[in-house]
Amino acid sequence: MPVPRTKAFQPAEALDRAMELFWRDGYARTGLDRLVRRTGASRYGLYATFGGKRDLFLASLERYSQAVMDPMLAPLQQARASASEIRDFFDRVLEVMRRRGDARGCFICNTAFERAAVDPAAARRVRQHFHRVRRLLARALANARREGSLPSDVSLPAWADHLLGVSAGAFLLDSCGMRLDVIRRFITTALKGLT
């Protein structure tokens, strides 16, 4: 009786490795041969498990959302998130940059620059992410206003848009190699008025 073939790699581990490669080098600079070497999978294994390179890229974006963004957004996920949780979120943004220290920025922001204009599925995932972050920020800002931590004359939608731009801008500065203390000042200035 023939022994069934088993995959020579772990799909979850291969996906994490592919995500790291796409995050660091982008879609265009990450060839299939590099993915095969980095993941330890064969071409057949990658195609059979994930589909083509683009499918693996999209799966990597989803994995990034779960592995990196979900923990970063955790403070804002609470229904009663307010000013303190907004600050916690930005502290986590800075912590990801400090811990990585390799100026790779945000995988989702990088995808917005590289792929959104040419890949509708990637653009949709980017928009979903930004809508999610904006919605969580808007809810926390509304809570902050109810608690008196935000001036009543500030437009909540405009403030949520602003903070979304600050979070994306911070990662853009990181990907350009800007020093962390500069990015920290950028964020601190943006949060003034949020007591």
N, C-alpha and C. Protein backbone atom coordinates (compact mmCIF):
# COMPACT_ATOMS: atom_id res chain seq x y z
N MET A 1 0.86 -1.17 0.00
CA MET A 1 0.00 0.00 0.00
C MET A 1 0.90 1.23 0.00
N PRO A 2 0.67 2.16 -0.94
CA PRO A 2 1.52 3.35 -1.00
C PRO A 2 1.29 4.26 0.20
N VAL A 3 2.37 4.86 0.64
CA VAL A 3 2.30 5.80 1.76
C VAL A 3 1.86 7.16 1.19
N PRO A 4 0.85 7.80 1.82
CA PRO A 4 0.43 9.10 1.29
C PRO A 4 1.53 10.14 1.42
N ARG A 5 1.61 11.00 0.41
CA ARG A 5 2.61 12.08 0.44
C ARG A 5 2.23 13.10 1.50
N THR A 6 3.23 13.54 2.23
CA THR A 6 2.98 14.59 3.21
C THR A 6 3.72 15.85 2.75
N LYS A 7 3.23 16.95 3.15
CA LYS A 7 3.89 18.20 2.80
C LYS A 7 5.22 18.29 3.56
N ALA A 8 6.24 18.73 2.86
CA ALA A 8 7.57 18.82 3.46
C ALA A 8 7.75 20.13 4.22
N PHE A 9 6.70 20.89 4.37
CA PHE A 9 6.80 22.15 5.08
C PHE A 9 5.51 22.38 5.86
N GLN A 10 5.61 23.28 6.81
CA GLN A 10 4.43 23.66 7.59
C GLN A 10 3.82 24.91 6.96
N PRO A 11 2.58 24.82 6.48
CA PRO A 11 1.99 25.98 5.80
C PRO A 11 1.97 27.25 6.65
N ALA A 12 1.65 27.14 7.94
CA ALA A 12 1.59 28.35 8.79
C ALA A 12 2.97 28.98 8.90
N GLU A 13 3.99 28.17 9.08
CA GLU A 13 5.36 28.69 9.17
C GLU A 13 5.80 29.28 7.84
N ALA A 14 5.45 28.61 6.75
CA ALA A 14 5.79 29.12 5.42
C ALA A 14 5.12 30.46 5.17
N LEU A 15 3.88 30.59 5.61
CA LEU A 15 3.16 31.85 5.43
C LEU A 15 3.82 32.98 6.22
N ASP A 16 4.23 32.69 7.45
CA ASP A 16 4.93 33.70 8.25
C ASP A 16 6.23 34.13 7.57
N ARG A 17 6.95 33.18 7.02
CA ARG A 17 8.21 33.52 6.36
C ARG A 17 7.98 34.31 5.07
N ALA A 18 6.94 33.94 4.34
CA ALA A 18 6.59 34.69 3.13
C ALA A 18 6.16 36.10 3.50
N MET A 19 5.37 36.23 4.56
CA MET A 19 4.93 37.55 5.01
C MET A 19 6.13 38.44 5.32
N GLU A 20 7.10 37.91 6.04
CA GLU A 20 8.29 38.68 6.39
C GLU A 20 9.03 39.14 5.13
N LEU A 21 9.13 38.25 4.15
CA LEU A 21 9.83 38.59 2.92
C LEU A 21 9.08 39.66 2.13
N PHE A 22 7.79 39.49 1.94
CA PHE A 22 6.99 40.48 1.23
C PHE A 22 7.00 41.82 1.97
N TRP A 23 6.91 41.77 3.29
CA TRP A 23 6.90 42.98 4.11
C TRP A 23 8.20 43.75 3.95
N ARG A 24 9.31 43.04 3.96
CA ARG A 24 10.61 43.70 3.87
C ARG A 24 10.92 44.18 2.45
N ASP A 25 10.62 43.34 1.44
CA ASP A 25 11.08 43.62 0.09
C ASP A 25 9.99 43.99 -0.90
N GLY A 26 8.73 43.85 -0.54
CA GLY A 26 7.64 44.18 -1.45
C GLY A 26 7.33 43.05 -2.41
N TYR A 27 6.29 43.25 -3.17
CA TYR A 27 5.82 42.22 -4.10
C TYR A 27 6.78 42.04 -5.28
N ALA A 28 7.12 43.14 -5.94
CA ALA A 28 7.91 43.06 -7.17
C ALA A 28 9.30 42.46 -6.95
N ARG A 29 9.92 42.79 -5.83
CA ARG A 29 11.29 42.32 -5.57
C ARG A 29 11.34 40.93 -4.94
N THR A 30 10.18 40.33 -4.69
CA THR A 30 10.15 39.01 -4.08
C THR A 30 9.76 37.99 -5.14
N GLY A 31 10.77 37.34 -5.69
CA GLY A 31 10.54 36.34 -6.73
C GLY A 31 10.18 34.99 -6.14
N LEU A 32 9.64 34.15 -6.99
CA LEU A 32 9.21 32.83 -6.56
C LEU A 32 10.38 32.00 -6.03
N ASP A 33 11.53 32.11 -6.66
CA ASP A 33 12.70 31.35 -6.18
C ASP A 33 13.06 31.75 -4.76
N ARG A 34 13.02 33.05 -4.47
CA ARG A 34 13.30 33.50 -3.10
C ARG A 34 12.26 32.98 -2.12
N LEU A 35 11.01 32.96 -2.54
CA LEU A 35 9.95 32.44 -1.67
C LEU A 35 10.17 30.96 -1.38
N VAL A 36 10.55 30.21 -2.40
CA VAL A 36 10.81 28.78 -2.22
C VAL A 36 11.95 28.58 -1.22
N ARG A 37 13.05 29.33 -1.41
CA ARG A 37 14.18 29.20 -0.48
C ARG A 37 13.79 29.62 0.94
N ARG A 38 13.08 30.73 1.06
CA ARG A 38 12.76 31.28 2.38
C ARG A 38 11.76 30.41 3.14
N THR A 39 10.80 29.85 2.42
CA THR A 39 9.76 29.07 3.10
C THR A 39 10.15 27.62 3.30
N GLY A 40 11.12 27.13 2.54
CA GLY A 40 11.47 25.72 2.62
C GLY A 40 10.50 24.84 1.88
N ALA A 41 9.62 25.42 1.12
CA ALA A 41 8.62 24.66 0.35
C ALA A 41 9.10 24.50 -1.08
N SER A 42 8.54 23.53 -1.77
CA SER A 42 8.78 23.41 -3.20
C SER A 42 7.82 24.34 -3.92
N ARG A 43 8.10 24.58 -5.20
CA ARG A 43 7.15 25.37 -5.99
C ARG A 43 5.78 24.70 -5.97
N TYR A 44 5.80 23.40 -6.15
CA TYR A 44 4.53 22.67 -6.16
C TYR A 44 3.81 22.84 -4.82
N GLY A 45 4.55 22.74 -3.72
CA GLY A 45 3.95 22.87 -2.40
C GLY A 45 3.33 24.24 -2.19
N LEU A 46 4.05 25.28 -2.64
CA LEU A 46 3.50 26.63 -2.51
C LEU A 46 2.24 26.80 -3.35
N TYR A 47 2.30 26.34 -4.62
CA TYR A 47 1.14 26.49 -5.49
C TYR A 47 -0.04 25.66 -4.99
N ALA A 48 0.24 24.44 -4.55
CA ALA A 48 -0.84 23.57 -4.08
C ALA A 48 -1.49 24.12 -2.82
N THR A 49 -0.71 24.75 -1.97
CA THR A 49 -1.23 25.25 -0.69
C THR A 49 -1.82 26.64 -0.80
N PHE A 50 -1.15 27.54 -1.50
CA PHE A 50 -1.55 28.94 -1.50
C PHE A 50 -2.03 29.45 -2.86
N GLY A 51 -1.80 28.72 -3.92
CA GLY A 51 -2.05 29.25 -5.25
C GLY A 51 -0.77 29.91 -5.73
N GLY A 52 -0.86 30.89 -6.60
CA GLY A 52 0.31 31.55 -7.15
C GLY A 52 0.91 32.58 -6.20
N LYS A 53 1.89 33.30 -6.71
CA LYS A 53 2.60 34.30 -5.91
C LYS A 53 1.63 35.36 -5.39
N ARG A 54 0.72 35.82 -6.25
CA ARG A 54 -0.23 36.85 -5.83
C ARG A 54 -1.12 36.33 -4.71
N ASP A 55 -1.57 35.10 -4.80
CA ASP A 55 -2.41 34.52 -3.75
C ASP A 55 -1.64 34.43 -2.43
N LEU A 56 -0.37 34.07 -2.53
CA LEU A 56 0.47 33.99 -1.33
C LEU A 56 0.67 35.39 -0.75
N PHE A 57 0.83 36.38 -1.62
CA PHE A 57 0.97 37.76 -1.16
C PHE A 57 -0.29 38.20 -0.41
N LEU A 58 -1.45 37.94 -0.96
CA LEU A 58 -2.71 38.33 -0.32
C LEU A 58 -2.90 37.59 1.00
N ALA A 59 -2.53 36.31 1.03
CA ALA A 59 -2.60 35.55 2.29
C ALA A 59 -1.62 36.13 3.31
N SER A 60 -0.47 36.60 2.84
CA SER A 60 0.51 37.22 3.73
C SER A 60 -0.02 38.52 4.32
N LEU A 61 -0.74 39.29 3.52
CA LEU A 61 -1.37 40.51 4.03
C LEU A 61 -2.35 40.18 5.14
N GLU A 62 -3.14 39.14 4.92
CA GLU A 62 -4.11 38.73 5.95
C GLU A 62 -3.39 38.27 7.21
N ARG A 63 -2.31 37.53 7.03
CA ARG A 63 -1.53 37.07 8.19
C ARG A 63 -0.93 38.25 8.94
N TYR A 64 -0.44 39.25 8.22
CA TYR A 64 0.09 40.46 8.86
C TYR A 64 -0.99 41.13 9.69
N SER A 65 -2.18 41.21 9.14
CA SER A 65 -3.29 41.82 9.86
C SER A 65 -3.53 41.11 11.19
N GLN A 66 -3.48 39.78 11.15
CA GLN A 66 -3.72 38.99 12.37
C GLN A 66 -2.54 39.05 13.34
N ALA A 67 -1.34 38.88 12.82
CA ALA A 67 -0.17 38.72 13.68
C ALA A 67 0.40 40.05 14.19
N VAL A 68 0.30 41.10 13.39
CA VAL A 68 0.92 42.37 13.76
C VAL A 68 -0.14 43.42 14.11
N MET A 69 -1.13 43.58 13.25
CA MET A 69 -2.10 44.65 13.46
C MET A 69 -3.09 44.35 14.58
N ASP A 70 -3.57 43.12 14.69
CA ASP A 70 -4.54 42.82 15.76
C ASP A 70 -3.97 43.15 17.14
N PRO A 71 -2.74 42.72 17.47
CA PRO A 71 -2.19 43.11 18.77
C PRO A 71 -1.98 44.62 18.90
N MET A 72 -1.61 45.28 17.80
CA MET A 72 -1.40 46.72 17.85
C MET A 72 -2.72 47.46 18.11
N LEU A 73 -3.80 46.94 17.55
CA LEU A 73 -5.11 47.57 17.69
C LEU A 73 -5.87 47.12 18.93
N ALA A 74 -5.31 46.18 19.67
CA ALA A 74 -6.02 45.61 20.83
C ALA A 74 -6.57 46.66 21.79
N PRO A 75 -5.81 47.71 22.14
CA PRO A 75 -6.38 48.70 23.06
C PRO A 75 -7.65 49.36 22.52
N LEU A 76 -7.70 49.57 21.21
CA LEU A 76 -8.85 50.24 20.61
C LEU A 76 -10.05 49.32 20.40
N GLN A 77 -9.83 48.02 20.53
CA GLN A 77 -10.92 47.06 20.32
C GLN A 77 -11.93 47.08 21.46
N GLN A 78 -11.52 47.56 22.61
CA GLN A 78 -12.43 47.59 23.76
C GLN A 78 -13.55 48.59 23.49
N ALA A 79 -14.77 48.20 23.85
CA ALA A 79 -15.93 49.06 23.60
C ALA A 79 -15.80 50.41 24.29
N ARG A 80 -15.13 50.45 25.44
CA ARG A 80 -14.98 51.71 26.18
C ARG A 80 -13.64 52.39 25.94
N ALA A 81 -12.95 51.98 24.89
CA ALA A 81 -11.66 52.61 24.57
C ALA A 81 -11.84 54.12 24.47
N SER A 82 -10.83 54.84 24.96
CA SER A 82 -10.93 56.29 25.01
C SER A 82 -9.54 56.90 24.76
N ALA A 83 -9.27 58.04 25.34
CA ALA A 83 -8.00 58.75 25.12
C ALA A 83 -6.80 57.89 25.50
N SER A 84 -6.88 57.22 26.63
CA SER A 84 -5.76 56.39 27.09
C SER A 84 -5.45 55.27 26.09
N GLU A 85 -6.49 54.66 25.54
CA GLU A 85 -6.28 53.57 24.59
C GLU A 85 -5.76 54.08 23.25
N ILE A 86 -6.13 55.29 22.88
CA ILE A 86 -5.55 55.88 21.67
C ILE A 86 -4.05 56.05 21.85
N ARG A 87 -3.66 56.55 23.02
CA ARG A 87 -2.22 56.69 23.31
C ARG A 87 -1.53 55.32 23.33
N ASP A 88 -2.20 54.32 23.93
CA ASP A 88 -1.64 52.96 23.95
C ASP A 88 -1.42 52.43 22.54
N PHE A 89 -2.38 52.69 21.66
CA PHE A 89 -2.25 52.26 20.26
C PHE A 89 -0.99 52.88 19.64
N PHE A 90 -0.82 54.19 19.81
CA PHE A 90 0.35 54.83 19.22
C PHE A 90 1.65 54.39 19.90
N ASP A 91 1.59 54.06 21.18
CA ASP A 91 2.77 53.48 21.84
C ASP A 91 3.14 52.15 21.19
N ARG A 92 2.13 51.37 20.83
CA ARG A 92 2.39 50.09 20.17
C ARG A 92 2.94 50.28 18.77
N VAL A 93 2.46 51.29 18.07
CA VAL A 93 3.02 51.62 16.75
C VAL A 93 4.52 51.88 16.90
N LEU A 94 4.88 52.72 17.87
CA LEU A 94 6.30 53.03 18.09
C LEU A 94 7.08 51.80 18.53
N GLU A 95 6.46 50.94 19.32
CA GLU A 95 7.14 49.74 19.79
C GLU A 95 7.45 48.78 18.64
N VAL A 96 6.53 48.65 17.70
CA VAL A 96 6.80 47.80 16.53
C VAL A 96 8.00 48.34 15.76
N MET A 97 8.07 49.63 15.60
CA MET A 97 9.20 50.23 14.90
C MET A 97 10.50 50.04 15.67
N ARG A 98 10.45 50.25 16.98
CA ARG A 98 11.65 50.11 17.81
C ARG A 98 12.12 48.67 17.82
N ARG A 99 11.19 47.74 17.99
CA ARG A 99 11.56 46.33 18.09
C ARG A 99 12.11 45.81 16.77
N ARG A 100 11.50 46.18 15.67
CA ARG A 100 11.97 45.71 14.37
C ARG A 100 13.27 46.40 14.00
N GLY A 101 13.29 47.72 14.11
CA GLY A 101 14.50 48.48 13.86
C GLY A 101 15.08 48.35 12.47
N ASP A 102 14.25 47.94 11.50
CA ASP A 102 14.79 47.71 10.16
C ASP A 102 14.14 48.58 9.09
N ALA A 103 13.41 49.60 9.52
CA ALA A 103 12.81 50.58 8.61
C ALA A 103 11.95 49.94 7.52
N ARG A 104 11.21 48.90 7.88
CA ARG A 104 10.36 48.30 6.86
C ARG A 104 8.96 48.91 6.85
N GLY A 105 8.65 49.74 7.84
CA GLY A 105 7.34 50.39 7.87
C GLY A 105 6.22 49.41 8.17
N CYS A 106 5.09 49.67 7.56
CA CYS A 106 3.88 48.84 7.73
C CYS A 106 3.63 48.10 6.42
N PHE A 107 3.43 46.82 6.48
CA PHE A 107 3.20 46.01 5.29
C PHE A 107 1.97 46.50 4.53
N ILE A 108 0.92 46.88 5.26
CA ILE A 108 -0.30 47.33 4.59
C ILE A 108 -0.07 48.69 3.91
N CYS A 109 0.62 49.60 4.59
CA CYS A 109 0.95 50.88 3.97
C CYS A 109 1.86 50.69 2.76
N ASN A 110 2.84 49.81 2.88
CA ASN A 110 3.73 49.52 1.76
C ASN A 110 2.94 48.99 0.57
N THR A 111 1.97 48.13 0.86
CA THR A 111 1.13 47.56 -0.20
C THR A 111 0.30 48.65 -0.86
N ALA A 112 -0.17 49.61 -0.07
CA ALA A 112 -0.95 50.72 -0.64
C ALA A 112 -0.12 51.45 -1.69
N PHE A 113 1.16 51.68 -1.42
CA PHE A 113 2.02 52.38 -2.37
C PHE A 113 2.37 51.52 -3.58
N GLU A 114 2.67 50.25 -3.33
CA GLU A 114 3.18 49.41 -4.41
C GLU A 114 2.09 48.76 -5.25
N ARG A 115 1.00 48.32 -4.62
CA ARG A 115 0.07 47.44 -5.33
C ARG A 115 -1.35 47.98 -5.51
N ALA A 116 -1.76 48.96 -4.72
CA ALA A 116 -3.17 49.35 -4.74
C ALA A 116 -3.64 49.82 -6.11
N ALA A 117 -2.79 50.48 -6.86
CA ALA A 117 -3.19 50.99 -8.17
C ALA A 117 -3.28 49.90 -9.23
N VAL A 118 -2.66 48.76 -9.00
CA VAL A 118 -2.61 47.71 -10.03
C VAL A 118 -3.26 46.40 -9.61
N ASP A 119 -3.65 46.28 -8.35
CA ASP A 119 -4.19 45.02 -7.85
C ASP A 119 -5.45 45.32 -7.03
N PRO A 120 -6.63 45.14 -7.62
CA PRO A 120 -7.87 45.47 -6.91
C PRO A 120 -8.06 44.71 -5.59
N ALA A 121 -7.63 43.47 -5.54
CA ALA A 121 -7.79 42.70 -4.29
C ALA A 121 -6.89 43.27 -3.19
N ALA A 122 -5.67 43.64 -3.55
CA ALA A 122 -4.78 44.25 -2.56
C ALA A 122 -5.33 45.61 -2.12
N ALA A 123 -5.84 46.38 -3.08
CA ALA A 123 -6.41 47.69 -2.74
C ALA A 123 -7.60 47.52 -1.80
N ARG A 124 -8.42 46.52 -2.03
CA ARG A 124 -9.57 46.26 -1.16
C ARG A 124 -9.13 45.93 0.26
N ARG A 125 -8.09 45.12 0.40
CA ARG A 125 -7.59 44.77 1.73
C ARG A 125 -7.01 46.00 2.43
N VAL A 126 -6.32 46.84 1.69
CA VAL A 126 -5.77 48.07 2.27
C VAL A 126 -6.91 48.96 2.77
N ARG A 127 -7.93 49.15 1.93
CA ARG A 127 -9.08 49.98 2.34
C ARG A 127 -9.78 49.40 3.56
N GLN A 128 -9.96 48.09 3.57
CA GLN A 128 -10.61 47.46 4.73
C GLN A 128 -9.83 47.74 6.01
N HIS A 129 -8.51 47.65 5.91
CA HIS A 129 -7.67 47.91 7.08
C HIS A 129 -7.83 49.36 7.54
N PHE A 130 -7.71 50.30 6.61
CA PHE A 130 -7.81 51.71 6.99
C PHE A 130 -9.19 52.06 7.53
N HIS A 131 -10.24 51.48 6.95
CA HIS A 131 -11.60 51.70 7.48
C HIS A 131 -11.71 51.17 8.91
N ARG A 132 -11.12 50.01 9.13
CA ARG A 132 -11.16 49.42 10.47
C ARG A 132 -10.46 50.31 11.49
N VAL A 133 -9.25 50.76 11.17
CA VAL A 133 -8.50 51.61 12.10
C VAL A 133 -9.26 52.91 12.33
N ARG A 134 -9.77 53.51 11.28
CA ARG A 134 -10.50 54.77 11.42
C ARG A 134 -11.74 54.60 12.29
N ARG A 135 -12.48 53.51 12.07
CA ARG A 135 -13.69 53.25 12.86
C ARG A 135 -13.36 53.10 14.34
N LEU A 136 -12.30 52.37 14.65
CA LEU A 136 -11.90 52.18 16.05
C LEU A 136 -11.44 53.51 16.67
N LEU A 137 -10.69 54.29 15.91
CA LEU A 137 -10.27 55.60 16.41
C LEU A 137 -11.47 56.51 16.64
N ALA A 138 -12.43 56.50 15.71
CA ALA A 138 -13.61 57.36 15.85
C ALA A 138 -14.41 56.99 17.09
N ARG A 139 -14.56 55.71 17.34
CA ARG A 139 -15.30 55.29 18.54
C ARG A 139 -14.58 55.71 19.81
N ALA A 140 -13.26 55.54 19.84
CA ALA A 140 -12.48 55.94 21.02
C ALA A 140 -12.53 57.45 21.21
N LEU A 141 -12.51 58.20 20.13
CA LEU A 141 -12.60 59.65 20.23
C LEU A 141 -13.97 60.08 20.75
N ALA A 142 -15.03 59.40 20.30
CA ALA A 142 -16.38 59.71 20.81
C ALA A 142 -16.45 59.43 22.31
N ASN A 143 -15.84 58.33 22.74
CA ASN A 143 -15.79 58.03 24.18
C ASN A 143 -15.00 59.10 24.93
N ALA A 144 -13.89 59.52 24.33
CA ALA A 144 -13.06 60.55 24.96
C ALA A 144 -13.84 61.86 25.11
N ARG A 145 -14.62 62.19 24.11
CA ARG A 145 -15.42 63.42 24.20
C ARG A 145 -16.45 63.31 25.33
N ARG A 146 -17.11 62.15 25.43
CA ARG A 146 -18.09 61.96 26.51
C ARG A 146 -17.45 62.09 27.89
N GLU A 147 -16.18 61.67 27.97
CA GLU A 147 -15.46 61.73 29.25
C GLU A 147 -14.83 63.10 29.50
N GLY A 148 -14.92 63.98 28.53
CA GLY A 148 -14.32 65.31 28.69
C GLY A 148 -12.85 65.38 28.33
N SER A 149 -12.33 64.36 27.66
CA SER A 149 -10.91 64.34 27.28
C SER A 149 -10.64 64.93 25.91
N LEU A 150 -11.69 65.40 25.25
CA LEU A 150 -11.55 65.95 23.92
C LEU A 150 -12.45 67.18 23.83
N PRO A 151 -11.92 68.30 23.35
CA PRO A 151 -12.74 69.51 23.26
C PRO A 151 -14.01 69.28 22.43
N SER A 152 -15.09 69.92 22.81
CA SER A 152 -16.37 69.71 22.14
C SER A 152 -16.43 70.36 20.77
N ASP A 153 -15.51 71.30 20.47
CA ASP A 153 -15.55 71.97 19.18
C ASP A 153 -14.74 71.24 18.10
N VAL A 154 -14.16 70.09 18.45
CA VAL A 154 -13.37 69.32 17.49
C VAL A 154 -14.31 68.37 16.74
N SER A 155 -14.19 68.33 15.43
CA SER A 155 -14.98 67.42 14.61
C SER A 155 -14.44 66.00 14.78
N LEU A 156 -15.27 65.09 15.26
CA LEU A 156 -14.82 63.71 15.47
C LEU A 156 -14.40 63.04 14.17
N PRO A 157 -15.17 63.14 13.07
CA PRO A 157 -14.71 62.52 11.83
C PRO A 157 -13.36 63.08 11.36
N ALA A 158 -13.19 64.40 11.47
CA ALA A 158 -11.93 65.01 11.03
C ALA A 158 -10.77 64.55 11.92
N TRP A 159 -11.01 64.44 13.22
CA TRP A 159 -9.96 64.01 14.15
C TRP A 159 -9.60 62.55 13.88
N ALA A 160 -10.60 61.71 13.62
CA ALA A 160 -10.33 60.30 13.30
C ALA A 160 -9.53 60.19 12.01
N ASP A 161 -9.89 60.99 10.99
CA ASP A 161 -9.13 61.01 9.74
C ASP A 161 -7.68 61.42 10.00
N HIS A 162 -7.53 62.46 10.83
CA HIS A 162 -6.20 62.96 11.16
C HIS A 162 -5.34 61.89 11.82
N LEU A 163 -5.90 61.21 12.83
CA LEU A 163 -5.13 60.19 13.54
C LEU A 163 -4.83 58.98 12.65
N LEU A 164 -5.75 58.65 11.75
CA LEU A 164 -5.46 57.58 10.79
C LEU A 164 -4.26 57.99 9.93
N GLY A 165 -4.25 59.24 9.46
CA GLY A 165 -3.13 59.73 8.68
C GLY A 165 -1.83 59.76 9.46
N VAL A 166 -1.93 60.08 10.74
CA VAL A 166 -0.73 60.09 11.59
C VAL A 166 -0.17 58.68 11.72
N SER A 167 -1.03 57.71 11.93
CA SER A 167 -0.52 56.33 12.08
C SER A 167 0.14 55.86 10.79
N ALA A 168 -0.51 56.11 9.64
CA ALA A 168 0.10 55.72 8.36
C ALA A 168 1.36 56.54 8.09
N GLY A 169 1.31 57.82 8.41
CA GLY A 169 2.48 58.68 8.20
C GLY A 169 3.67 58.27 9.05
N ALA A 170 3.39 57.83 10.27
CA ALA A 170 4.48 57.37 11.14
C ALA A 170 5.20 56.18 10.51
N PHE A 171 4.42 55.26 9.95
CA PHE A 171 5.04 54.10 9.30
C PHE A 171 5.78 54.50 8.02
N LEU A 172 5.25 55.47 7.31
CA LEU A 172 5.94 55.97 6.12
C LEU A 172 7.29 56.56 6.52
N LEU A 173 7.30 57.38 7.57
CA LEU A 173 8.57 57.94 8.04
C LEU A 173 9.53 56.84 8.45
N ASP A 174 9.02 55.80 9.10
CA ASP A 174 9.86 54.67 9.49
C ASP A 174 10.47 53.99 8.27
N SER A 175 9.65 53.78 7.24
CA SER A 175 10.15 53.08 6.04
C SER A 175 11.19 53.92 5.30
N CYS A 176 11.20 55.24 5.54
CA CYS A 176 12.22 56.11 4.93
C CYS A 176 13.48 56.19 5.78
N GLY A 177 13.49 55.49 6.91
CA GLY A 177 14.67 55.50 7.77
C GLY A 177 14.73 56.66 8.74
N MET A 178 13.59 57.35 8.94
CA MET A 178 13.56 58.47 9.88
C MET A 178 13.83 57.96 11.30
N ARG A 179 14.53 58.75 12.08
CA ARG A 179 14.86 58.35 13.45
C ARG A 179 13.58 58.23 14.29
N LEU A 180 13.61 57.30 15.23
CA LEU A 180 12.44 57.04 16.07
C LEU A 180 12.06 58.26 16.91
N ASP A 181 13.03 59.02 17.38
CA ASP A 181 12.67 60.19 18.19
C ASP A 181 11.92 61.23 17.37
N VAL A 182 12.20 61.35 16.09
CA VAL A 182 11.46 62.26 15.21
C VAL A 182 10.03 61.78 15.05
N ILE A 183 9.86 60.48 14.84
CA ILE A 183 8.51 59.91 14.68
C ILE A 183 7.74 60.06 15.99
N ARG A 184 8.41 59.87 17.12
CA ARG A 184 7.76 60.04 18.42
C ARG A 184 7.26 61.47 18.59
N ARG A 185 8.06 62.45 18.22
CA ARG A 185 7.63 63.86 18.32
C ARG A 185 6.44 64.12 17.39
N PHE A 186 6.47 63.56 16.21
CA PHE A 186 5.37 63.69 15.25
C PHE A 186 4.06 63.19 15.88
N ILE A 187 4.12 62.03 16.51
CA ILE A 187 2.93 61.46 17.14
C ILE A 187 2.51 62.28 18.35
N THR A 188 3.46 62.66 19.18
CA THR A 188 3.15 63.45 20.39
C THR A 188 2.44 64.75 20.02
N THR A 189 2.94 65.41 19.00
CA THR A 189 2.32 66.67 18.55
C THR A 189 0.89 66.42 18.06
N ALA A 190 0.69 65.31 17.35
CA ALA A 190 -0.64 64.99 16.82
C ALA A 190 -1.65 64.69 17.93
N LEU A 191 -1.17 64.20 19.07
CA LEU A 191 -2.07 63.82 20.16
C LEU A 191 -2.31 64.97 21.13
N LYS A 192 -1.68 66.12 20.90
CA LYS A 192 -1.95 67.27 21.78
C LYS A 192 -3.42 67.65 21.66
N GLY A 193 -3.99 67.99 22.75
CA GLY A 193 -5.43 68.31 22.76
C GLY A 193 -6.27 67.12 23.19
N LEU A 194 -5.64 65.95 23.21
CA LEU A 194 -6.32 64.75 23.70
C LEU A 194 -5.84 64.53 25.14
N THR A 195 -6.61 65.03 26.10
CA THR A 195 -6.14 65.02 27.50
C THR A 195 -6.46 63.72 28.21
